[in-house]
Amino acid sequence: MWTSADLENLVREKLGDYLFVLVSNRQPYVHKYQKGRVICQRGAGGVVTALDPVMRASRGLWIAYGNGDADRRVTDAAGKIGVPPEKPAYTLKRIWLNKAEEEGYYNGYSNDTLWPLSHLTFKRPTFRKEDWDYYKSVNMKFARAIADELGGRKAFVWIQDYHLCLLPAMLKELCGPQVITAHFWHIPWPSHEIFRICPDKKELLEGLLANDLLGFHIRLHCNNFLEAVDRELESKIDRERFSVTKGGHETLVRPYPISVDFAAISADAASPAVEDTMRSLREEFRLEGLKLILGIDRIDYTKGIPERLLALDLLLDQHPELKEKITFLQIGEISRIHVQKYKDVNDEINAIVERINWKHSTENWTPVVLTRRHVSYEEIIALYRLSSVCMVTSLHDGMNLVAKEFVSSRIDDGGVLMLSNFTGAARELTDALVVNPYDREQCADELHRALVMPEEEVSRRMQKLREAVRSNNIYHWAGKIISDLLKFDFKE
């Protein structure tokens, strides 16, 4: 099993004097004002969950958009700060965007165009020229910031996700052979029948093909990308090597299923702090004597939150004996609320919760608890520990790290994972109860099965799930990508 020390040794032995730079839109730590003082919160989302331990091990430089209202106050003149705050292990450099850039690049092109284009959830992407223009200009802002940091030195640059498709080509233009780049795409890559509707498809493909190494979660997404290149660009595709050569430059395309820090999450789950938090949350949500069904997601139309709520409604129709014996707790921070599609799903969830609670509640019991408050890392681990069932019912997901976090936290070998077959994780976590989230009846049946499952079967399934995540942890994922990245030679 790969460890943080293994990754640190790899970087130290192979990286030499070269810089190691990670680039993403979302930052790993956010500084905010709270009750008149500055606090630091770990950033939300799977990318941060996965990459923070990688950067701690590599002690590199992370460049990201600074979106906290106190971010500027705590950084130096160059926008830099050491993180994590309690024991700095690497440097965070923040890029500043104005409101027009944030609206066009992030809310517009990234999340109203590329996100729905890449997820098969029947949300039509929106194409606006002004959003595309901001997307290009912000990608260039990132490229110039990286070039300034390199100052002519050679560096390995690892780019994250769909916000920065154009960055590789821009960076190569600014820095030439002094940079070797890898790019990991954290969401699904759509089939060509869907991708071809994008007016900017050729520019996006050309930007990504400036990378030396391009990674996706699963081979299906690699195949979809190669098909898009084959249909849209003049290039040479080697399907045995999974590579694309365009303009004399070769890009290797590889599947790398992302994971979590299994050992760290398991250790944290056993800590006294989490034990204390479990007691506090049990009291806060009145869980004593009840089986907890947990959903924990950003409020996003791809996560299947309405679908799981409707399955719960059907379950209570079919099994009224479960009333006053279970509680469904949905943790969901609102995200991208300036995008209309996110407002719509938030309103839909509110309406469904209100209807279910009106229909099924009793004098002393309410079936669904929906909370949107920020939930700390310790609280998340505590909720995983308290859950009888964790529902991960994404309608389409590149991987889904909630599923792997839940498994990693279950040091008691308890709890049942109910997992959508439209997640990348379903290919690895085969001992979960795998469901079609669009099939309400199946989801209700499997949820009932999870609630009444014998303890011996629960334990047997969880032990197998834990071994799957333990053997393919975050350091194994990062180690494979970095090992492949470091095989490239700088061209003189």
Protein backbone atom coordinates (compact mmCIF):
# COMPACT_ATOMS: atom_id res chain seq x y z
CA MET A 1 0.00 0.00 0.00
CA TRP A 2 1.33 3.44 -0.97
CA THR A 3 1.87 5.90 1.89
CA SER A 4 2.59 9.59 2.23
CA ALA A 5 6.22 8.67 2.90
CA ASP A 6 6.39 6.63 -0.33
CA LEU A 7 5.09 9.59 -2.33
CA GLU A 8 7.44 11.99 -0.58
CA ASN A 9 10.38 9.70 -1.34
CA LEU A 10 9.33 9.44 -4.98
CA VAL A 11 9.15 13.20 -5.34
CA ARG A 12 12.43 13.77 -3.50
CA GLU A 13 14.35 11.12 -5.45
CA LYS A 14 12.92 11.81 -8.92
CA LEU A 15 12.00 15.48 -8.93
CA GLY A 16 15.48 16.74 -8.11
CA ASP A 17 15.74 20.53 -8.27
CA TYR A 18 12.72 20.94 -10.53
CA LEU A 19 9.67 22.79 -9.23
CA PHE A 20 6.40 20.92 -8.67
CA VAL A 21 3.33 23.08 -9.26
CA LEU A 22 -0.33 22.10 -8.89
CA VAL A 23 -3.00 24.32 -10.48
CA SER A 24 -6.74 24.28 -9.86
CA ASN A 25 -9.68 26.64 -9.74
CA ARG A 26 -10.71 25.69 -6.20
CA GLN A 27 -8.30 26.41 -3.39
CA PRO A 28 -7.54 23.94 -0.59
CA TYR A 29 -7.99 26.46 2.26
CA VAL A 30 -10.31 29.47 2.44
CA HIS A 31 -10.01 32.42 4.85
CA LYS A 32 -13.28 34.02 5.88
CA TYR A 33 -14.55 36.58 8.36
CA GLN A 34 -16.72 35.06 11.08
CA LYS A 35 -18.03 37.13 13.98
CA GLY A 36 -15.38 39.76 13.41
CA ARG A 37 -12.38 37.44 13.23
CA VAL A 38 -10.61 35.54 10.47
CA ILE A 39 -11.09 31.78 10.36
CA CYS A 40 -9.62 29.21 7.97
CA GLN A 41 -11.79 26.44 6.50
CA ARG A 42 -10.71 23.54 4.35
CA GLY A 43 -12.17 23.92 0.87
CA ALA A 44 -15.17 21.80 -0.08
CA GLY A 45 -15.29 19.19 -2.82
CA GLY A 46 -13.58 16.04 -3.99
CA VAL A 47 -10.62 17.72 -5.70
CA VAL A 48 -9.47 19.31 -2.45
CA THR A 49 -10.10 16.11 -0.50
CA ALA A 50 -7.91 14.19 -2.91
CA LEU A 51 -5.07 16.62 -3.52
CA ASP A 52 -4.37 18.20 -0.13
CA PRO A 53 -2.54 15.09 1.15
CA VAL A 54 -0.62 14.89 -2.12
CA MET A 55 0.67 18.44 -1.74
CA ARG A 56 1.54 17.89 1.91
CA ALA A 57 3.73 15.01 0.80
CA SER A 58 5.33 16.82 -2.15
CA ARG A 59 5.77 20.22 -0.41
CA GLY A 60 5.04 21.98 -3.69
CA LEU A 61 3.25 25.14 -4.83
CA TRP A 62 -0.56 25.16 -5.28
CA ILE A 63 -1.99 27.97 -7.47
CA ALA A 64 -5.74 28.61 -7.22
CA TYR A 65 -8.45 31.26 -7.26
CA GLY A 66 -8.76 33.09 -3.92
CA ASN A 67 -12.49 33.42 -3.24
CA GLY A 68 -12.61 33.91 0.54
CA ASP A 69 -13.56 37.36 1.82
CA ALA A 70 -10.49 37.39 4.12
CA ASP A 71 -8.05 35.77 1.67
CA ARG A 72 -6.27 38.99 0.76
CA ARG A 73 -5.77 39.96 4.39
CA VAL A 74 -3.69 36.88 5.28
CA THR A 75 -1.54 36.53 2.14
CA ASP A 76 1.69 38.34 1.34
CA ALA A 77 2.19 40.84 -1.49
CA ALA A 78 2.54 37.98 -3.99
CA GLY A 79 -0.72 36.39 -2.84
CA LYS A 80 1.08 33.53 -1.04
CA ILE A 81 0.50 31.79 2.29
CA GLY A 82 1.75 28.57 3.90
CA VAL A 83 -0.90 25.86 4.44
CA PRO A 84 -2.37 24.04 6.24
CA PRO A 85 -2.53 26.77 8.89
CA GLU A 86 -1.78 24.54 11.89
CA LYS A 87 1.38 23.10 10.32
CA PRO A 88 2.36 24.60 6.94
CA ALA A 89 3.61 21.95 4.54
CA TYR A 90 3.28 23.68 1.16
CA THR A 91 2.64 27.11 -0.37
CA LEU A 92 -0.71 28.35 -1.67
CA LYS A 93 -0.62 31.18 -4.23
CA ARG A 94 -3.96 32.87 -4.84
CA ILE A 95 -5.14 34.33 -8.15
CA TRP A 96 -7.57 37.24 -7.84
CA LEU A 97 -10.61 37.51 -10.13
CA ASN A 98 -13.05 40.39 -10.42
CA LYS A 99 -16.82 39.83 -10.41
CA ALA A 100 -17.12 39.91 -14.21
CA GLU A 101 -14.37 37.29 -14.56
CA GLU A 102 -15.94 35.09 -11.88
CA GLU A 103 -19.35 35.34 -13.52
CA GLY A 104 -18.16 34.63 -17.07
CA TYR A 105 -15.35 32.11 -16.44
CA TYR A 106 -16.71 30.22 -13.42
CA ASN A 107 -20.51 30.56 -13.24
CA GLY A 108 -20.79 30.91 -17.00
CA TYR A 109 -18.48 28.79 -19.13
CA SER A 110 -17.23 26.33 -16.50
CA ASN A 111 -20.53 25.56 -14.78
CA ASP A 112 -23.27 26.55 -17.22
CA THR A 113 -21.47 25.14 -20.27
CA LEU A 114 -18.82 22.49 -19.55
CA TRP A 115 -20.41 20.94 -16.44
CA PRO A 116 -23.80 20.07 -18.04
CA LEU A 117 -22.05 19.18 -21.31
CA SER A 118 -20.04 16.52 -19.44
CA HIS A 119 -22.82 15.09 -17.23
CA LEU A 120 -25.65 13.05 -18.70
CA THR A 121 -28.36 14.57 -16.51
CA PHE A 122 -30.57 16.15 -19.18
CA LYS A 123 -29.59 19.74 -18.40
CA ARG A 124 -28.98 21.67 -21.60
CA PRO A 125 -25.63 23.51 -21.62
CA THR A 126 -25.64 27.22 -22.35
CA PHE A 127 -23.21 28.69 -24.87
CA ARG A 128 -22.49 32.43 -24.59
CA LYS A 129 -19.62 34.12 -26.43
CA GLU A 130 -18.94 36.48 -23.52
CA ASP A 131 -18.51 33.50 -21.16
CA TRP A 132 -16.06 31.89 -23.59
CA ASP A 133 -14.09 35.14 -23.79
CA TYR A 134 -13.82 35.33 -19.99
CA TYR A 135 -12.87 31.65 -19.84
CA LYS A 136 -9.99 32.32 -22.24
CA SER A 137 -8.82 35.43 -20.39
CA VAL A 138 -8.86 33.77 -16.96
CA ASN A 139 -6.97 30.75 -18.31
CA MET A 140 -4.35 33.21 -19.56
CA LYS A 141 -4.27 34.89 -16.15
CA PHE A 142 -3.39 31.51 -14.59
CA ALA A 143 -0.77 30.87 -17.30
CA ARG A 144 0.97 34.21 -16.66
CA ALA A 145 0.92 33.65 -12.89
CA ILE A 146 2.60 30.27 -13.32
CA ALA A 147 5.16 31.67 -15.77
CA ASP A 148 6.01 34.45 -13.29
CA GLU A 149 6.53 31.89 -10.53
CA LEU A 150 8.78 29.73 -12.68
CA GLY A 151 10.99 32.63 -13.67
CA GLY A 152 12.67 30.59 -16.39
CA ARG A 153 13.20 27.50 -14.20
CA LYS A 154 12.16 24.02 -15.28
CA ALA A 155 9.03 22.65 -13.65
CA PHE A 156 6.50 19.87 -13.64
CA VAL A 157 3.02 21.36 -13.64
CA TRP A 158 -0.05 19.33 -12.70
CA ILE A 159 -3.32 20.95 -13.84
CA GLN A 160 -6.71 20.00 -12.45
CA ASP A 161 -10.11 19.74 -14.07
CA TYR A 162 -12.39 21.38 -16.59
CA HIS A 163 -11.92 25.01 -15.52
CA LEU A 164 -8.47 25.16 -17.15
CA CYS A 165 -8.72 23.38 -20.52
CA LEU A 166 -6.83 26.11 -22.36
CA LEU A 167 -4.07 26.54 -19.78
CA PRO A 168 -1.71 23.79 -21.07
CA ALA A 169 -1.39 25.32 -24.54
CA MET A 170 -1.03 28.84 -23.14
CA LEU A 171 1.59 27.71 -20.66
CA LYS A 172 3.61 25.90 -23.31
CA GLU A 173 3.49 29.04 -25.45
CA LEU A 174 4.77 31.21 -22.60
CA CYS A 175 7.36 28.82 -21.16
CA GLY A 176 8.27 26.54 -24.06
CA PRO A 177 10.14 23.34 -23.20
CA GLN A 178 10.78 24.47 -19.62
CA VAL A 179 7.48 22.94 -18.46
CA ILE A 180 6.17 19.39 -18.59
CA THR A 181 2.45 19.22 -17.90
CA ALA A 182 -0.05 16.66 -16.74
CA HIS A 183 -3.78 17.35 -16.61
CA PHE A 184 -6.35 15.37 -14.65
CA TRP A 185 -10.00 15.67 -15.71
CA HIS A 186 -12.13 15.04 -12.58
CA ILE A 187 -15.55 14.74 -14.24
CA PRO A 188 -16.83 12.44 -17.00
CA TRP A 189 -15.80 13.05 -20.59
CA PRO A 190 -18.94 12.90 -22.74
CA SER A 191 -19.53 10.82 -25.83
CA HIS A 192 -18.82 12.54 -29.13
CA GLU A 193 -22.54 12.75 -29.94
CA ILE A 194 -22.87 15.12 -26.98
CA PHE A 195 -19.48 16.85 -27.13
CA ARG A 196 -19.88 17.83 -30.78
CA ILE A 197 -22.59 20.40 -29.98
CA CYS A 198 -19.99 22.61 -28.27
CA PRO A 199 -19.05 25.55 -30.55
CA ASP A 200 -15.56 25.73 -28.99
CA LYS A 201 -14.80 22.00 -29.17
CA LYS A 202 -11.67 22.26 -31.31
CA GLU A 203 -10.05 24.90 -29.10
CA LEU A 204 -10.81 22.80 -26.00
CA LEU A 205 -9.28 19.68 -27.54
CA GLU A 206 -6.22 21.55 -28.76
CA GLY A 207 -5.72 23.05 -25.32
CA LEU A 208 -5.81 19.63 -23.66
CA LEU A 209 -3.55 18.06 -26.29
CA ALA A 210 -0.78 20.50 -25.33
CA ASN A 211 -0.37 18.35 -22.21
CA ASP A 212 2.24 15.65 -22.08
CA LEU A 213 -0.02 13.44 -19.95
CA LEU A 214 -3.82 13.57 -19.74
CA GLY A 215 -5.70 11.53 -17.14
CA PHE A 216 -9.32 10.49 -16.64
CA HIS A 217 -10.95 8.33 -13.95
CA ILE A 218 -11.86 5.35 -16.13
CA ARG A 219 -11.02 3.93 -19.54
CA LEU A 220 -14.48 4.75 -20.92
CA HIS A 221 -13.72 8.46 -20.53
CA CYS A 222 -10.34 7.95 -22.23
CA ASN A 223 -12.09 6.26 -25.14
CA ASN A 224 -14.66 9.07 -25.38
CA PHE A 225 -11.86 11.65 -25.50
CA LEU A 226 -9.97 9.78 -28.22
CA GLU A 227 -13.15 9.48 -30.27
CA ALA A 228 -13.71 13.25 -29.98
CA VAL A 229 -10.15 13.93 -31.16
CA ASP A 230 -10.51 11.43 -33.99
CA ARG A 231 -13.73 13.05 -35.21
CA GLU A 232 -12.74 16.71 -34.78
CA LEU A 233 -8.99 17.14 -35.37
CA GLU A 234 -6.28 16.14 -37.82
CA SER A 235 -4.02 13.99 -35.65
CA LYS A 236 -2.45 10.56 -35.30
CA ILE A 237 -4.06 8.32 -32.68
CA ASP A 238 -2.20 5.24 -31.43
CA ARG A 239 -4.84 3.15 -29.69
CA GLU A 240 -2.32 0.58 -28.47
CA ARG A 241 -0.31 3.25 -26.66
CA PHE A 242 -3.40 5.37 -25.94
CA SER A 243 -1.68 8.44 -27.30
CA VAL A 244 -2.41 11.34 -29.65
CA THR A 245 0.22 13.07 -31.80
CA LYS A 246 -0.69 16.48 -33.17
CA GLY A 247 1.75 19.00 -34.62
CA GLY A 248 4.68 16.79 -33.65
CA HIS A 249 3.66 16.71 -29.96
CA GLU A 250 2.53 13.46 -28.33
CA THR A 251 -0.02 13.35 -25.49
CA LEU A 252 -0.43 10.15 -23.47
CA VAL A 253 -4.01 9.46 -22.33
CA ARG A 254 -4.42 7.26 -19.25
CA PRO A 255 -7.08 6.11 -16.73
CA TYR A 256 -6.24 6.88 -13.09
CA PRO A 257 -9.11 6.09 -10.68
CA ILE A 258 -8.84 8.70 -7.92
CA SER A 259 -9.14 7.80 -4.24
CA VAL A 260 -8.78 9.13 -0.67
CA ASP A 261 -6.27 8.96 2.17
CA PHE A 262 -7.58 5.70 3.64
CA ALA A 263 -5.12 5.44 6.53
CA ALA A 264 -5.60 9.05 7.66
CA ILE A 265 -9.40 8.89 7.52
CA SER A 266 -9.41 5.59 9.41
CA ALA A 267 -7.13 7.03 12.09
CA ASP A 268 -9.25 10.18 12.38
CA ALA A 269 -12.41 8.07 12.68
CA ALA A 270 -10.93 6.41 15.78
CA SER A 271 -9.90 9.70 17.43
CA PRO A 272 -11.41 10.98 20.70
CA ALA A 273 -12.43 14.19 18.89
CA VAL A 274 -14.62 12.25 16.45
CA GLU A 275 -16.06 10.17 19.29
CA ASP A 276 -17.03 13.41 21.09
CA THR A 277 -18.49 14.83 17.86
CA MET A 278 -20.57 11.68 17.39
CA ARG A 279 -22.17 12.22 20.79
CA SER A 280 -22.85 15.87 19.97
CA LEU A 281 -24.40 15.12 16.56
CA ARG A 282 -26.49 12.29 17.97
CA GLU A 283 -28.02 14.84 20.33
CA GLU A 284 -28.29 17.66 17.76
CA PHE A 285 -30.19 15.54 15.23
CA ARG A 286 -32.05 13.43 17.82
CA LEU A 287 -30.67 10.14 16.51
CA GLU A 288 -30.91 8.07 19.67
CA GLY A 289 -32.67 4.78 18.95
CA LEU A 290 -32.96 5.55 15.20
CA LYS A 291 -31.17 4.14 12.17
CA LEU A 292 -29.51 6.98 10.27
CA ILE A 293 -29.66 7.15 6.46
CA LEU A 294 -27.11 9.72 5.29
CA GLY A 295 -26.79 11.79 2.14
CA ILE A 296 -23.87 14.20 1.98
CA ASP A 297 -23.33 16.23 -1.19
CA ARG A 298 -23.06 19.66 -2.65
CA ILE A 299 -26.51 20.80 -3.80
CA ASP A 300 -26.05 19.90 -7.46
CA TYR A 301 -28.42 18.50 -10.05
CA THR A 302 -25.96 15.69 -10.89
CA LYS A 303 -26.00 14.22 -7.35
CA GLY A 304 -29.43 12.59 -7.50
CA ILE A 305 -30.73 14.16 -4.28
CA PRO A 306 -34.39 14.44 -5.42
CA GLU A 307 -34.23 10.85 -6.65
CA ARG A 308 -33.05 9.48 -3.28
CA LEU A 309 -35.71 11.49 -1.45
CA LEU A 310 -38.41 10.06 -3.70
CA ALA A 311 -37.06 6.55 -3.00
CA LEU A 312 -37.36 7.25 0.73
CA ASP A 313 -40.95 8.42 0.21
CA LEU A 314 -41.77 5.16 -1.55
CA LEU A 315 -40.00 3.14 1.15
CA LEU A 316 -42.20 4.70 3.85
CA ASP A 317 -45.31 4.04 1.72
CA GLN A 318 -44.34 0.38 1.38
CA HIS A 319 -42.98 -0.12 4.91
CA PRO A 320 -44.89 2.11 7.35
CA GLU A 321 -43.43 0.00 10.18
CA LEU A 322 -40.17 1.95 9.65
CA LYS A 323 -41.75 5.19 10.80
CA GLU A 324 -40.15 6.49 14.01
CA LYS A 325 -37.32 3.97 13.49
CA ILE A 326 -35.22 5.77 10.83
CA THR A 327 -34.06 9.29 10.03
CA PHE A 328 -32.85 10.52 6.66
CA LEU A 329 -30.27 13.30 7.08
CA GLN A 330 -29.25 15.23 3.97
CA ILE A 331 -26.19 17.42 4.41
CA GLY A 332 -25.89 19.77 1.47
CA GLU A 333 -24.05 23.05 1.17
CA ILE A 334 -25.49 25.31 -1.52
CA SER A 335 -23.10 25.79 -4.43
CA ARG A 336 -23.07 27.82 -7.66
CA ILE A 337 -26.29 29.49 -6.56
CA HIS A 338 -25.82 32.20 -9.20
CA VAL A 339 -26.46 29.56 -11.90
CA GLN A 340 -30.21 29.14 -12.52
CA LYS A 341 -30.05 25.34 -12.78
CA TYR A 342 -28.68 25.18 -9.23
CA LYS A 343 -31.38 27.47 -7.91
CA ASP A 344 -33.96 25.22 -9.55
CA VAL A 345 -32.68 21.99 -7.97
CA ASN A 346 -32.40 23.71 -4.58
CA ASP A 347 -36.07 24.73 -4.83
CA GLU A 348 -37.03 21.22 -5.97
CA ILE A 349 -35.29 19.62 -2.98
CA ASN A 350 -37.01 22.02 -0.57
CA ALA A 351 -40.41 21.16 -2.03
CA ILE A 352 -39.85 17.39 -1.88
CA VAL A 353 -38.59 17.50 1.72
CA GLU A 354 -41.59 19.58 2.80
CA ARG A 355 -43.99 17.18 1.07
CA ILE A 356 -42.41 14.02 2.56
CA ASN A 357 -42.33 15.47 6.07
CA TRP A 358 -45.95 16.62 5.83
CA LYS A 359 -47.02 13.21 4.53
CA HIS A 360 -45.13 10.89 6.89
CA SER A 361 -44.28 12.78 10.09
CA THR A 362 -45.85 11.89 13.42
CA GLU A 363 -46.25 13.87 16.62
CA ASN A 364 -42.75 12.95 17.80
CA TRP A 365 -40.88 12.23 14.57
CA THR A 366 -39.90 13.84 11.26
CA PRO A 367 -38.46 11.56 8.57
CA VAL A 368 -36.17 14.01 6.72
CA VAL A 369 -33.73 16.50 8.18
CA LEU A 370 -32.14 18.85 5.63
CA THR A 371 -29.27 21.06 6.75
CA ARG A 372 -27.15 23.41 4.69
CA ARG A 373 -24.80 24.64 7.40
CA HIS A 374 -21.07 24.17 6.93
CA VAL A 375 -20.10 20.75 8.26
CA SER A 376 -16.53 20.38 9.49
CA TYR A 377 -14.28 17.49 8.55
CA GLU A 378 -14.66 15.96 12.04
CA GLU A 379 -18.45 16.22 11.76
CA ILE A 380 -18.42 14.51 8.35
CA ILE A 381 -16.38 11.58 9.69
CA ALA A 382 -18.63 11.39 12.76
CA LEU A 383 -21.75 11.27 10.57
CA TYR A 384 -20.23 8.47 8.49
CA ARG A 385 -19.60 6.56 11.72
CA LEU A 386 -23.18 7.11 12.91
CA SER A 387 -24.84 6.00 9.66
CA SER A 388 -26.54 2.70 9.02
CA VAL A 389 -26.74 3.54 5.30
CA CYS A 390 -24.87 6.07 3.17
CA MET A 391 -26.70 6.88 -0.07
CA VAL A 392 -24.51 7.97 -3.00
CA THR A 393 -27.00 8.17 -5.85
CA SER A 394 -25.31 10.43 -8.41
CA LEU A 395 -26.97 10.56 -11.81
CA HIS A 396 -23.49 10.83 -13.40
CA ASP A 397 -20.16 11.15 -11.61
CA GLY A 398 -16.53 10.84 -12.64
CA MET A 399 -15.65 8.92 -9.47
CA ASN A 400 -17.35 10.16 -6.25
CA LEU A 401 -15.14 10.38 -3.21
CA VAL A 402 -17.96 10.50 -0.65
CA ALA A 403 -18.34 6.75 -1.20
CA LYS A 404 -14.64 6.14 -0.53
CA GLU A 405 -14.56 8.48 2.49
CA PHE A 406 -17.52 6.63 4.00
CA VAL A 407 -15.82 3.26 3.55
CA SER A 408 -12.53 4.57 4.96
CA SER A 409 -14.26 5.88 8.09
CA ARG A 410 -15.98 2.58 8.96
CA ILE A 411 -13.34 1.18 11.29
CA ASP A 412 -16.12 -0.88 12.91
CA ASP A 413 -16.85 -2.70 9.61
CA GLY A 414 -20.42 -1.39 9.92
CA GLY A 415 -22.69 0.56 7.61
CA VAL A 416 -24.02 -0.16 4.13
CA LEU A 417 -22.95 1.81 1.05
CA MET A 418 -25.73 2.31 -1.50
CA LEU A 419 -24.01 3.40 -4.72
CA SER A 420 -25.19 4.60 -8.11
CA ASN A 421 -24.00 2.52 -11.06
CA PHE A 422 -23.35 5.82 -12.88
CA THR A 423 -20.35 6.63 -10.68
CA GLY A 424 -16.77 5.69 -11.49
CA ALA A 425 -16.54 4.28 -7.96
CA ALA A 426 -19.09 1.56 -8.79
CA ARG A 427 -16.44 -0.19 -10.90
CA GLU A 428 -14.21 -0.63 -7.84
CA LEU A 429 -16.68 -0.85 -4.95
CA THR A 430 -18.60 -3.87 -6.16
CA ASP A 431 -19.66 -4.94 -2.65
CA ALA A 432 -21.83 -1.87 -2.28
CA LEU A 433 -25.54 -2.13 -3.07
CA VAL A 434 -25.29 -0.81 -6.64
CA VAL A 435 -28.48 0.83 -7.93
CA ASN A 436 -29.90 2.75 -10.86
CA PRO A 437 -30.88 6.09 -9.25
CA TYR A 438 -33.53 6.66 -11.92
CA ASP A 439 -35.31 3.45 -10.81
CA ARG A 440 -37.31 4.59 -7.80
CA GLU A 441 -38.67 1.12 -7.00
CA GLN A 442 -35.25 -0.52 -7.09
CA CYS A 443 -33.76 2.19 -4.86
CA ALA A 444 -36.59 1.80 -2.32
CA ASP A 445 -36.16 -1.99 -2.32
CA GLU A 446 -32.37 -1.78 -1.88
CA LEU A 447 -32.74 0.83 0.85
CA HIS A 448 -35.03 -1.55 2.73
CA ARG A 449 -32.55 -4.37 2.13
CA ALA A 450 -29.77 -2.22 3.60
CA LEU A 451 -31.82 -1.38 6.70
CA VAL A 452 -32.66 -5.01 7.49
CA MET A 453 -29.39 -6.59 6.32
CA PRO A 454 -27.93 -9.08 8.84
CA GLU A 455 -24.88 -7.78 10.70
CA GLU A 456 -22.72 -10.60 9.34
CA GLU A 457 -23.41 -9.55 5.74
CA VAL A 458 -22.93 -5.86 6.56
CA SER A 459 -19.52 -6.63 8.07
CA ARG A 460 -18.47 -8.94 5.23
CA ARG A 461 -19.32 -6.37 2.56
CA MET A 462 -17.64 -3.51 4.41
CA GLN A 463 -14.44 -5.48 4.96
CA LYS A 464 -14.17 -6.08 1.21
CA LEU A 465 -14.95 -2.43 0.44
CA ARG A 466 -12.30 -1.26 2.90
CA GLU A 467 -9.67 -3.49 1.34
CA ALA A 468 -10.50 -2.11 -2.11
CA VAL A 469 -10.02 1.50 -0.95
CA ARG A 470 -7.00 0.66 1.24
CA SER A 471 -5.11 -0.93 -1.67
CA ASN A 472 -5.94 1.88 -4.11
CA ASN A 473 -5.55 4.94 -1.90
CA ILE A 474 -4.82 8.55 -2.80
CA TYR A 475 -1.06 8.03 -2.67
CA HIS A 476 -1.32 5.10 -5.09
CA TRP A 477 -3.31 7.35 -7.47
CA ALA A 478 -0.93 10.28 -7.15
CA GLY A 479 2.13 8.05 -7.25
CA LYS A 480 1.08 6.51 -10.57
CA ILE A 481 0.42 9.91 -12.16
CA ILE A 482 3.58 11.53 -10.82
CA SER A 483 5.67 8.49 -11.76
CA ASP A 484 4.35 8.71 -15.32
CA LEU A 485 4.84 12.49 -15.38
CA LEU A 486 8.44 12.24 -14.20
CA LYS A 487 9.27 9.84 -17.05
CA PHE A 488 9.12 12.77 -19.47
CA ASP A 489 12.40 14.51 -20.29
CA PHE A 490 12.80 18.25 -20.72
CA LYS A 491 13.68 19.18 -24.28
CA GLU A 492 16.71 21.41 -24.70
